[in-house]
Amino acid sequence: MIDSEKRLFMFEKVAEHLDSGIHVIDSQGKTIIYNQKMMEIENMEIDDVLDKNLLDVFQFNTEEDSTLLQVIKTKVPTLNVKQTYFNNRGNEITTLNNTFPIFHGDQLLGAIEIAKDITKLEKVIRDNLHKRNNNLYTFDSILGSNSLLMEAVETAKRATRTVSPVLISGEIGTGKELFAQSIHNGSSRSSQPFISQNCAALPDELIESMLFGTKKSTFTESVEHPSLFDQAEGGTLLLDEISSLNMSLQAKLLQVLQEQSVQKSSNTTDKDSGVRIIATINEDPIDAIANGRLRKDLYYRLSVVSIFLPPLRERKQDIEELTRFFIDQFNHLFAMNIKGITSEVKEMFDNYDWPGNVRELEHVLEASFNLMEFEELIDFNHLPIQFRQKSDGGDTQGTDSDREGTDFLFQGGADIKPLEIFMEEAETYYIQKALRHHDFNITKTAKALSMSRQNLQYRIRKYGIERNKF
């Protein structure tokens, strides 16, 4: 016969290996069992909680908000109750709890709580609801006169008239969400929700729950959460960095798009989805398909309308206008009166390749404002140190032997270009040469280059290749 002390020890060992948080209090509210998973959920050490009164450790809005204390008071179990509270460091925690009273005969000994952590899920939902009411961008927010940018704007404006899926391709910082919001706000859906979700920001299990929703279940201890499709009903759902979804979720998303319905994770009922899908990808989608990051059939489904956003290095004539805009914006934000940039800084901006694109330009200018006092112009010394170091070309002369056999990389003493830029320029040149050889016949050129017509047409749009330019 196992004595009570050994039985308690064995129970505690079992509790340590459970994937749910276990918290047991006695009838006076003092913690007597607290497992490893609960420590992880609440970011606490066992000595912070064990043998201490619940209200001395955790903060609830009211005592009734504690499901453990509520069960001690009512002696009635509570199932699938969401609880938000704070640990002793002030960190907010949200759990889904099943809580039961513990009796010995008619005597109440305490209560046990089995908890699931839904803190991240609740935060994402709140962020999405916040975004729903903060869709500020329209086509008037898009600055620049570059021909590739203007082509993208015109395509986006035409897309406001339909409900077809849109795929926006472009490097990080080129303004993909700005375009997505502009399409939504320029459409008949502008008064309806705009929900944005970065697919790379969450683990697979959580993003699946966000995308397709969950249904309340006592068996699985899950709470019902509306899917992103439900939240965006009648409006627009932006799926950012679509290629970061695993292939299984991409297949499930494709099914939703094809059937225009959402099947809940619990495989219950389907619901008609009146949602427009806009997806973004920060790489060439053809490369993403070739490297196994994007399903080909999902690409075809999403790219009914395809928009390519040029990087800032290909639209440097827009830097001056963008710089003026951000300076005006930060003048207003910081209550300053900066007039502009010096000619030295302007030259640096024009010669720099801006790998972070418009977002990097914005951050460089904001950082410069923080280093200024009473000056009217941003000069070299106001620029953030990391930008100055990246922009400094250093000694590029070298020796004759350094350059022997590599003159094609240099033009007038300039630095060697980054490999990515050089490869893009080489690819553009070769495609132009092939098109010229085949008199701009897309089918023949694509065959000669051993690529699909769609692949070739994408690159023609991406690199701004026009027949009358060569």
Protein backbone atom coordinates (compact mmCIF):
# COMPACT_ATOMS: atom_id res chain seq x y z
CA MET A 1 0.00 0.00 0.00
CA ILE A 2 1.47 3.35 -1.07
CA ASP A 3 1.34 5.98 1.67
CA SER A 4 -0.06 9.47 0.99
CA GLU A 5 3.36 11.13 0.86
CA LYS A 6 4.58 8.81 -1.91
CA ARG A 7 1.27 9.17 -3.75
CA LEU A 8 1.63 12.97 -3.70
CA PHE A 9 5.24 12.67 -4.91
CA MET A 10 4.15 10.45 -7.83
CA PHE A 11 1.35 12.84 -8.73
CA GLU A 12 3.77 15.77 -8.80
CA LYS A 13 6.13 13.81 -11.09
CA VAL A 14 3.27 13.05 -13.47
CA ALA A 15 2.22 16.71 -13.45
CA GLU A 16 5.75 17.80 -14.42
CA HIS A 17 5.44 15.95 -17.75
CA LEU A 18 1.99 17.24 -18.74
CA ASP A 19 1.67 19.73 -21.58
CA SER A 20 -0.94 21.71 -19.61
CA GLY A 21 -0.32 23.97 -16.66
CA ILE A 22 -1.38 22.44 -13.32
CA HIS A 23 -2.07 24.71 -10.34
CA VAL A 24 -3.58 23.35 -7.10
CA ILE A 25 -4.57 25.48 -4.11
CA ASP A 26 -5.98 24.52 -0.75
CA SER A 27 -9.29 25.81 0.59
CA GLN A 28 -7.55 28.93 1.93
CA GLY A 29 -6.10 29.88 -1.46
CA LYS A 30 -2.52 28.74 -0.79
CA THR A 31 -0.63 26.97 -3.60
CA ILE A 32 0.29 23.34 -2.86
CA ILE A 33 1.07 22.00 -6.39
CA TYR A 34 2.54 24.01 -9.27
CA ASN A 35 3.99 22.17 -12.28
CA GLN A 36 6.77 23.02 -14.73
CA LYS A 37 4.41 23.96 -17.57
CA MET A 38 2.57 26.42 -15.34
CA MET A 39 5.90 28.01 -14.45
CA GLU A 40 6.60 28.47 -18.17
CA ILE A 41 3.14 29.92 -18.87
CA GLU A 42 3.33 32.41 -16.01
CA ASN A 43 7.10 33.05 -16.25
CA MET A 44 7.50 32.30 -12.55
CA GLU A 45 9.80 30.24 -10.34
CA ILE A 46 8.28 27.62 -8.07
CA ASP A 47 9.58 29.40 -4.95
CA ASP A 48 7.65 32.52 -6.04
CA VAL A 49 4.34 30.62 -5.87
CA LEU A 50 4.51 27.47 -3.74
CA ASP A 51 3.06 27.80 -0.21
CA LYS A 52 1.97 31.37 -0.93
CA ASN A 53 -1.53 32.79 -1.14
CA LEU A 54 -2.73 33.24 -4.71
CA LEU A 55 -3.67 36.92 -4.22
CA ASP A 56 -0.24 37.70 -2.77
CA VAL A 57 1.44 36.54 -5.99
CA PHE A 58 -0.92 37.29 -8.86
CA GLN A 59 -2.97 40.35 -9.68
CA PHE A 60 -6.58 40.03 -10.84
CA ASN A 61 -9.00 42.82 -11.65
CA THR A 62 -11.28 41.40 -8.96
CA GLU A 63 -11.05 38.31 -6.77
CA GLU A 64 -13.91 36.82 -8.81
CA ASP A 65 -11.67 36.95 -11.90
CA SER A 66 -9.58 34.12 -10.44
CA THR A 67 -11.12 30.87 -11.63
CA LEU A 68 -9.42 28.97 -8.79
CA LEU A 69 -10.86 31.23 -6.10
CA GLN A 70 -14.23 31.26 -7.83
CA VAL A 71 -14.40 27.46 -7.69
CA ILE A 72 -13.35 27.49 -4.00
CA LYS A 73 -16.22 29.91 -3.34
CA THR A 74 -18.94 28.22 -5.44
CA LYS A 75 -17.72 24.59 -5.17
CA VAL A 76 -18.82 24.20 -8.81
CA PRO A 77 -16.45 23.31 -11.71
CA THR A 78 -15.86 25.84 -14.51
CA LEU A 79 -14.92 24.69 -18.02
CA ASN A 80 -13.21 26.53 -20.89
CA VAL A 81 -13.07 29.87 -19.07
CA LYS A 82 -10.68 32.49 -20.42
CA GLN A 83 -8.75 34.32 -17.71
CA THR A 84 -6.47 37.36 -18.05
CA TYR A 85 -4.29 38.37 -15.09
CA PHE A 86 -0.76 39.57 -14.21
CA ASN A 87 2.23 37.87 -12.60
CA ASN A 88 4.40 39.49 -9.91
CA ARG A 89 6.45 41.28 -12.59
CA GLY A 90 3.38 42.89 -14.15
CA ASN A 91 3.42 40.66 -17.25
CA GLU A 92 -0.04 40.02 -18.72
CA ILE A 93 -1.05 36.36 -19.04
CA THR A 94 -4.12 34.88 -20.72
CA THR A 95 -5.06 31.25 -20.17
CA LEU A 96 -7.95 28.95 -20.98
CA ASN A 97 -8.86 27.08 -17.82
CA ASN A 98 -10.74 23.98 -16.67
CA THR A 99 -11.05 24.26 -12.90
CA PHE A 100 -12.48 21.68 -10.45
CA PRO A 101 -13.12 21.60 -6.70
CA ILE A 102 -11.38 18.83 -4.73
CA PHE A 103 -13.50 17.10 -2.10
CA HIS A 104 -12.72 14.48 0.54
CA GLY A 105 -16.19 13.24 1.31
CA ASP A 106 -18.17 16.41 2.01
CA GLN A 107 -15.11 18.41 2.97
CA LEU A 108 -13.66 20.89 0.40
CA LEU A 109 -9.88 20.45 0.36
CA GLY A 110 -9.06 22.88 -2.45
CA ALA A 111 -9.20 23.28 -6.23
CA ILE A 112 -7.17 22.16 -9.26
CA GLU A 113 -6.76 24.20 -12.42
CA ILE A 114 -5.69 22.80 -15.82
CA ALA A 115 -4.56 25.70 -18.00
CA LYS A 116 -3.65 26.28 -21.65
CA ASP A 117 -1.59 29.33 -22.60
CA ILE A 118 -3.36 31.56 -25.17
CA THR A 119 -1.47 34.79 -24.40
CA LYS A 120 0.06 35.08 -27.90
CA LEU A 121 -3.20 34.24 -29.62
CA GLU A 122 -5.08 36.94 -27.68
CA LYS A 123 -2.39 39.53 -28.49
CA VAL A 124 -2.55 38.78 -32.21
CA ILE A 125 -6.35 39.07 -32.19
CA ARG A 126 -6.18 42.43 -30.40
CA ASP A 127 -3.54 43.68 -32.84
CA ASN A 128 -5.71 42.68 -35.80
CA LEU A 129 -8.74 44.40 -34.31
CA HIS A 130 -6.60 47.50 -33.78
CA LYS A 131 -5.47 47.41 -37.40
CA ARG A 132 -9.09 47.12 -38.52
CA ASN A 133 -9.64 50.67 -37.28
CA ASN A 134 -6.35 52.12 -38.50
CA ASN A 135 -6.34 51.71 -42.28
CA LEU A 136 -4.80 55.04 -43.12
CA TYR A 137 -3.13 54.50 -46.47
CA THR A 138 -4.63 55.43 -49.84
CA PHE A 139 -3.11 55.85 -53.29
CA ASP A 140 -2.37 59.48 -52.35
CA SER A 141 0.09 58.08 -49.81
CA ILE A 142 2.27 56.57 -52.56
CA LEU A 143 5.07 58.97 -53.43
CA GLY A 144 7.25 58.97 -56.54
CA SER A 145 7.17 59.30 -60.29
CA ASN A 146 9.25 56.30 -61.38
CA SER A 147 7.69 54.56 -64.39
CA LEU A 148 7.78 51.10 -62.76
CA LEU A 149 6.13 52.49 -59.64
CA MET A 150 3.48 54.28 -61.71
CA GLU A 151 2.75 51.04 -63.57
CA ALA A 152 2.26 49.27 -60.24
CA VAL A 153 -0.07 52.05 -59.04
CA GLU A 154 -2.18 51.85 -62.20
CA THR A 155 -2.47 48.07 -61.87
CA ALA A 156 -3.46 48.45 -58.24
CA LYS A 157 -6.08 51.09 -59.07
CA ARG A 158 -7.64 48.82 -61.67
CA ALA A 159 -7.71 46.05 -59.08
CA THR A 160 -10.03 48.13 -56.87
CA ARG A 161 -12.87 47.43 -59.29
CA THR A 162 -12.83 43.66 -58.77
CA VAL A 163 -12.64 41.12 -55.94
CA SER A 164 -9.93 38.94 -57.53
CA PRO A 165 -6.94 37.84 -55.41
CA VAL A 166 -3.85 40.05 -55.63
CA LEU A 167 -0.21 39.06 -55.22
CA ILE A 168 2.19 41.92 -54.43
CA SER A 169 5.89 41.11 -54.91
CA GLY A 170 8.70 43.29 -53.69
CA GLU A 171 11.71 43.43 -51.40
CA ILE A 172 11.34 44.23 -47.72
CA GLY A 173 10.59 47.92 -47.21
CA THR A 174 9.16 48.66 -50.67
CA GLY A 175 5.64 49.40 -49.41
CA LYS A 176 3.65 46.23 -50.01
CA GLU A 177 1.18 46.85 -47.17
CA LEU A 178 0.79 50.46 -48.29
CA PHE A 179 -0.37 49.15 -51.68
CA ALA A 180 -2.64 46.54 -50.08
CA GLN A 181 -4.36 49.14 -47.89
CA SER A 182 -4.68 51.50 -50.86
CA ILE A 183 -6.45 48.79 -52.89
CA HIS A 184 -8.81 48.09 -49.99
CA ASN A 185 -9.55 51.76 -49.28
CA GLY A 186 -10.08 52.48 -52.97
CA SER A 187 -12.59 49.64 -53.37
CA SER A 188 -16.26 49.22 -52.49
CA ARG A 189 -15.08 47.29 -49.41
CA SER A 190 -13.44 50.34 -47.82
CA SER A 191 -16.02 50.55 -45.02
CA GLN A 192 -15.47 46.87 -44.15
CA PRO A 193 -12.59 45.32 -42.14
CA PHE A 194 -9.01 45.24 -43.36
CA ILE A 195 -7.17 42.46 -41.50
CA SER A 196 -3.41 42.02 -41.86
CA GLN A 197 -1.44 38.98 -40.73
CA ASN A 198 2.28 38.39 -41.08
CA CYS A 199 2.55 34.67 -41.81
CA ALA A 200 6.18 34.57 -40.65
CA ALA A 201 5.46 36.06 -37.23
CA LEU A 202 3.90 33.00 -35.58
CA PRO A 203 4.62 29.26 -35.26
CA ASP A 204 2.70 26.88 -37.55
CA GLU A 205 0.19 25.72 -34.95
CA LEU A 206 -0.74 29.26 -33.93
CA ILE A 207 -0.95 30.63 -37.47
CA GLU A 208 -3.25 27.74 -38.40
CA SER A 209 -5.56 28.63 -35.51
CA MET A 210 -5.46 32.27 -36.59
CA LEU A 211 -6.15 31.54 -40.24
CA PHE A 212 -8.86 28.94 -39.93
CA GLY A 213 -10.21 29.49 -36.42
CA THR A 214 -10.94 27.07 -33.62
CA LYS A 215 -14.19 25.78 -32.17
CA LYS A 216 -14.88 25.50 -28.47
CA SER A 217 -14.27 21.95 -27.27
CA THR A 218 -14.24 20.54 -23.74
CA PHE A 219 -12.33 17.48 -24.96
CA THR A 220 -9.44 19.45 -26.46
CA GLU A 221 -9.67 22.30 -23.94
CA SER A 222 -9.82 24.77 -26.81
CA VAL A 223 -11.71 28.04 -26.90
CA GLU A 224 -13.67 29.23 -29.91
CA HIS A 225 -11.85 31.92 -31.88
CA PRO A 226 -13.06 33.35 -35.16
CA SER A 227 -10.79 32.76 -38.14
CA LEU A 228 -9.11 35.65 -39.92
CA PHE A 229 -11.60 35.03 -42.71
CA ASP A 230 -14.44 35.54 -40.23
CA GLN A 231 -12.86 38.73 -38.89
CA ALA A 232 -12.36 40.10 -42.42
CA GLU A 233 -15.87 39.11 -43.59
CA GLY A 234 -16.99 41.53 -46.31
CA GLY A 235 -13.58 43.18 -46.39
CA THR A 236 -9.95 42.35 -47.18
CA LEU A 237 -7.51 39.86 -45.67
CA LEU A 238 -3.82 40.63 -46.22
CA LEU A 239 -1.51 37.62 -45.85
CA ASP A 240 2.01 39.02 -45.58
CA GLU A 241 5.05 36.85 -46.45
CA ILE A 242 2.85 34.07 -47.83
CA SER A 243 5.84 31.86 -48.72
CA SER A 244 6.67 31.44 -45.01
CA LEU A 245 3.62 29.18 -44.55
CA ASN A 246 4.47 25.49 -44.57
CA MET A 247 3.26 23.43 -47.52
CA SER A 248 0.42 21.85 -45.54
CA LEU A 249 -1.03 25.24 -44.62
CA GLN A 250 -0.52 26.48 -48.18
CA ALA A 251 -2.58 23.50 -49.41
CA LYS A 252 -5.33 24.25 -46.89
CA LEU A 253 -5.33 27.92 -47.88
CA LEU A 254 -5.57 26.96 -51.55
CA GLN A 255 -8.63 24.85 -50.78
CA VAL A 256 -10.27 27.81 -49.06
CA LEU A 257 -9.54 30.08 -52.01
CA GLN A 258 -10.81 27.57 -54.53
CA GLU A 259 -14.00 26.76 -52.67
CA GLN A 260 -14.51 30.24 -51.23
CA SER A 261 -15.26 28.62 -47.86
CA VAL A 262 -13.52 28.23 -44.55
CA GLN A 263 -13.39 24.86 -42.84
CA LYS A 264 -12.79 25.22 -39.13
CA SER A 265 -9.87 23.38 -37.60
CA SER A 266 -12.35 21.11 -35.84
CA ASN A 267 -13.71 19.95 -39.21
CA THR A 268 -17.22 21.07 -38.43
CA THR A 269 -19.18 23.29 -40.75
CA ASP A 270 -18.09 25.33 -43.72
CA LYS A 271 -18.85 29.00 -43.87
CA ASP A 272 -19.10 31.10 -47.03
CA SER A 273 -16.25 33.57 -47.13
CA GLY A 274 -16.93 36.97 -48.65
CA VAL A 275 -13.32 38.01 -48.25
CA ARG A 276 -10.86 39.46 -50.73
CA ILE A 277 -7.37 38.01 -50.42
CA ILE A 278 -4.24 40.09 -50.96
CA ALA A 279 -0.93 38.29 -50.44
CA THR A 280 2.62 39.61 -50.40
CA ILE A 281 5.98 37.97 -50.99
CA ASN A 282 9.40 39.58 -50.54
CA GLU A 283 11.17 37.54 -53.21
CA ASP A 284 10.70 36.55 -56.83
CA PRO A 285 7.73 34.14 -56.64
CA ILE A 286 9.20 32.03 -59.43
CA ASP A 287 12.35 31.55 -57.33
CA ALA A 288 10.18 30.74 -54.30
CA ILE A 289 8.43 28.01 -56.32
CA ALA A 290 11.72 26.62 -57.63
CA ASN A 291 13.17 26.49 -54.10
CA GLY A 292 10.13 24.76 -52.62
CA ARG A 293 8.87 27.72 -50.56
CA LEU A 294 5.69 28.39 -52.54
CA ARG A 295 3.22 25.97 -54.09
CA LYS A 296 2.86 26.54 -57.82
CA ASP A 297 -0.92 26.06 -57.72
CA LEU A 298 -1.27 28.57 -54.86
CA TYR A 299 0.82 31.07 -56.82
CA TYR A 300 -1.44 30.74 -59.85
CA ARG A 301 -4.50 31.20 -57.64
CA LEU A 302 -3.15 34.27 -55.84
CA SER A 303 -1.58 36.01 -58.83
CA VAL A 304 -4.80 36.71 -60.72
CA VAL A 305 -3.65 40.31 -60.28
CA SER A 306 0.14 40.51 -59.98
CA ILE A 307 1.90 43.68 -58.85
CA PHE A 308 5.68 44.12 -58.66
CA LEU A 309 7.10 46.95 -56.55
CA PRO A 310 10.55 48.19 -57.65
CA PRO A 311 13.30 48.59 -55.04
CA LEU A 312 14.44 52.08 -54.16
CA ARG A 313 17.78 51.61 -55.95
CA GLU A 314 15.80 51.38 -59.22
CA ARG A 315 13.81 54.56 -58.54
CA LYS A 316 16.44 56.90 -57.16
CA GLN A 317 14.74 59.90 -58.77
CA ASP A 318 12.10 59.51 -56.05
CA ILE A 319 14.57 59.84 -53.14
CA GLU A 320 14.32 63.63 -53.02
CA GLU A 321 10.51 63.62 -52.78
CA LEU A 322 10.55 60.85 -50.19
CA THR A 323 13.18 62.68 -48.15
CA ARG A 324 11.08 65.87 -48.11
CA PHE A 325 8.02 63.88 -47.02
CA PHE A 326 9.79 62.15 -44.12
CA ILE A 327 11.44 65.39 -42.97
CA ASP A 328 8.01 67.08 -42.85
CA GLN A 329 6.62 64.09 -40.99
CA PHE A 330 9.37 64.09 -38.35
CA ASN A 331 9.27 67.89 -38.01
CA HIS A 332 5.64 67.54 -37.00
CA LEU A 333 6.30 64.53 -34.75
CA PHE A 334 9.31 66.00 -32.93
CA ALA A 335 8.25 69.69 -33.05
CA MET A 336 11.41 70.59 -34.98
CA ASN A 337 12.08 72.75 -38.03
CA ILE A 338 14.60 70.93 -40.21
CA LYS A 339 14.76 72.45 -43.69
CA GLY A 340 16.41 69.60 -45.60
CA ILE A 341 19.72 67.82 -46.20
CA THR A 342 23.13 69.08 -47.26
CA SER A 343 24.49 68.50 -50.76
CA GLU A 344 26.95 65.98 -49.30
CA VAL A 345 24.13 63.92 -47.78
CA LYS A 346 22.11 64.19 -50.99
CA GLU A 347 25.05 62.77 -52.94
CA MET A 348 25.41 59.95 -50.43
CA PHE A 349 21.70 59.14 -50.71
CA ASP A 350 21.91 59.12 -54.51
CA ASN A 351 24.95 56.80 -54.54
CA TYR A 352 23.71 54.39 -51.88
CA ASP A 353 21.89 51.18 -52.91
CA TRP A 354 19.28 51.18 -50.10
CA PRO A 355 18.99 47.44 -49.39
CA GLY A 356 16.24 48.26 -46.86
CA ASN A 357 14.44 50.41 -49.45
CA VAL A 358 12.02 53.20 -48.45
CA ARG A 359 11.76 51.88 -44.90
CA GLU A 360 15.54 52.21 -44.49
CA LEU A 361 15.44 55.80 -45.78
CA GLU A 362 12.72 56.60 -43.25
CA HIS A 363 14.72 55.07 -40.39
CA VAL A 364 17.95 56.87 -41.40
CA LEU A 365 16.16 60.22 -41.36
CA GLU A 366 14.43 59.52 -38.04
CA ALA A 367 17.77 58.55 -36.50
CA SER A 368 19.30 61.79 -37.85
CA PHE A 369 16.58 63.87 -36.17
CA ASN A 370 17.55 62.32 -32.85
CA LEU A 371 21.14 63.53 -33.28
CA MET A 372 20.27 67.14 -34.13
CA GLU A 373 19.92 70.18 -31.89
CA PHE A 374 19.48 73.61 -33.51
CA GLU A 375 20.79 72.90 -37.02
CA GLU A 376 18.53 73.42 -40.04
CA LEU A 377 20.12 70.91 -42.42
CA ILE A 378 20.97 67.24 -41.90
CA ASP A 379 24.67 66.80 -42.60
CA PHE A 380 27.05 63.84 -42.61
CA ASN A 381 27.66 63.89 -38.85
CA HIS A 382 23.93 63.65 -38.12
CA LEU A 383 23.56 60.37 -40.02
CA PRO A 384 23.54 57.19 -37.90
CA ILE A 385 27.00 55.68 -37.55
CA GLN A 386 26.06 52.36 -39.16
CA PHE A 387 24.78 54.18 -42.25
CA ARG A 388 27.93 56.29 -42.52
CA GLN A 389 30.04 53.13 -42.36
CA LYS A 390 27.99 51.36 -45.04
CA SER A 391 28.04 54.41 -47.29
CA ASP A 392 31.81 54.99 -47.00
CA GLY A 393 33.44 53.53 -50.08
CA GLY A 394 36.96 53.70 -48.64
CA ASP A 395 40.01 53.28 -50.86
CA THR A 396 38.89 51.80 -54.15
CA GLN A 397 42.01 52.37 -56.22
CA GLY A 398 43.84 49.09 -55.57
CA THR A 399 46.79 47.89 -57.63
CA ASP A 400 47.00 46.93 -61.28
CA SER A 401 47.34 43.28 -60.30
CA ASP A 402 44.13 43.54 -58.22
CA ARG A 403 42.24 44.65 -61.29
CA GLU A 404 43.85 42.45 -63.89
CA GLY A 405 41.19 40.38 -65.60
CA THR A 406 38.33 42.01 -63.59
CA ASP A 407 37.85 45.34 -65.39
CA PHE A 408 34.26 44.42 -66.27
CA LEU A 409 33.37 44.87 -62.57
CA PHE A 410 34.68 48.43 -62.44
CA GLN A 411 33.45 51.56 -64.09
CA GLY A 412 35.55 54.67 -63.68
CA GLY A 413 37.14 53.57 -60.41
CA ALA A 414 33.83 52.61 -58.70
CA ASP A 415 33.57 49.92 -56.07
CA ILE A 416 32.67 46.35 -56.91
CA LYS A 417 28.91 46.11 -56.91
CA PRO A 418 27.08 43.76 -54.53
CA LEU A 419 26.68 40.36 -56.16
CA GLU A 420 22.87 40.55 -56.05
CA ILE A 421 22.81 43.82 -58.01
CA PHE A 422 25.40 42.60 -60.50
CA MET A 423 23.40 39.40 -61.11
CA GLU A 424 20.20 41.37 -61.66
CA GLU A 425 21.92 43.65 -64.17
CA ALA A 426 23.46 40.65 -65.95
CA GLU A 427 20.09 38.89 -66.06
CA THR A 428 18.39 42.02 -67.42
CA TYR A 429 21.05 42.41 -70.11
CA TYR A 430 20.82 38.77 -71.19
CA ILE A 431 17.01 38.81 -71.35
CA GLN A 432 17.12 42.01 -73.42
CA LYS A 433 19.64 40.41 -75.77
CA ALA A 434 17.48 37.28 -76.17
CA LEU A 435 14.33 39.34 -76.78
CA ARG A 436 16.12 41.42 -79.40
CA HIS A 437 17.37 38.25 -81.10
CA HIS A 438 13.80 36.92 -81.32
CA ASP A 439 12.26 40.29 -82.25
CA PHE A 440 10.54 40.47 -78.84
CA ASN A 441 8.59 37.25 -79.47
CA ILE A 442 7.80 36.07 -75.94
CA THR A 443 7.13 32.44 -76.83
CA LYS A 444 10.34 31.98 -78.82
CA THR A 445 12.44 33.85 -76.27
CA ALA A 446 11.07 31.85 -73.36
CA LYS A 447 11.78 28.61 -75.20
CA ALA A 448 15.32 29.70 -75.98
CA LEU A 449 15.90 30.61 -72.33
CA SER A 450 14.30 27.32 -71.14
CA MET A 451 11.71 29.09 -69.01
CA SER A 452 7.93 29.43 -69.06
CA ARG A 453 6.20 32.37 -70.75
CA GLN A 454 4.86 33.45 -67.35
CA ASN A 455 8.34 33.37 -65.83
CA LEU A 456 9.71 35.50 -68.66
CA GLN A 457 6.81 37.97 -68.52
CA TYR A 458 7.30 38.33 -64.77
CA ARG A 459 10.97 39.25 -65.26
CA ILE A 460 10.12 41.68 -68.05
CA ARG A 461 7.77 43.48 -65.63
CA LYS A 462 10.24 43.19 -62.74
CA TYR A 463 13.16 44.72 -64.63
CA GLY A 464 11.05 47.25 -66.57
CA ILE A 465 12.15 45.90 -69.96
CA GLU A 466 10.37 47.74 -72.77
CA ARG A 467 10.71 47.05 -76.47
CA ASN A 468 11.23 50.68 -77.40
CA LYS A 469 14.15 50.99 -74.98
CA PHE A 470 16.53 48.78 -77.01
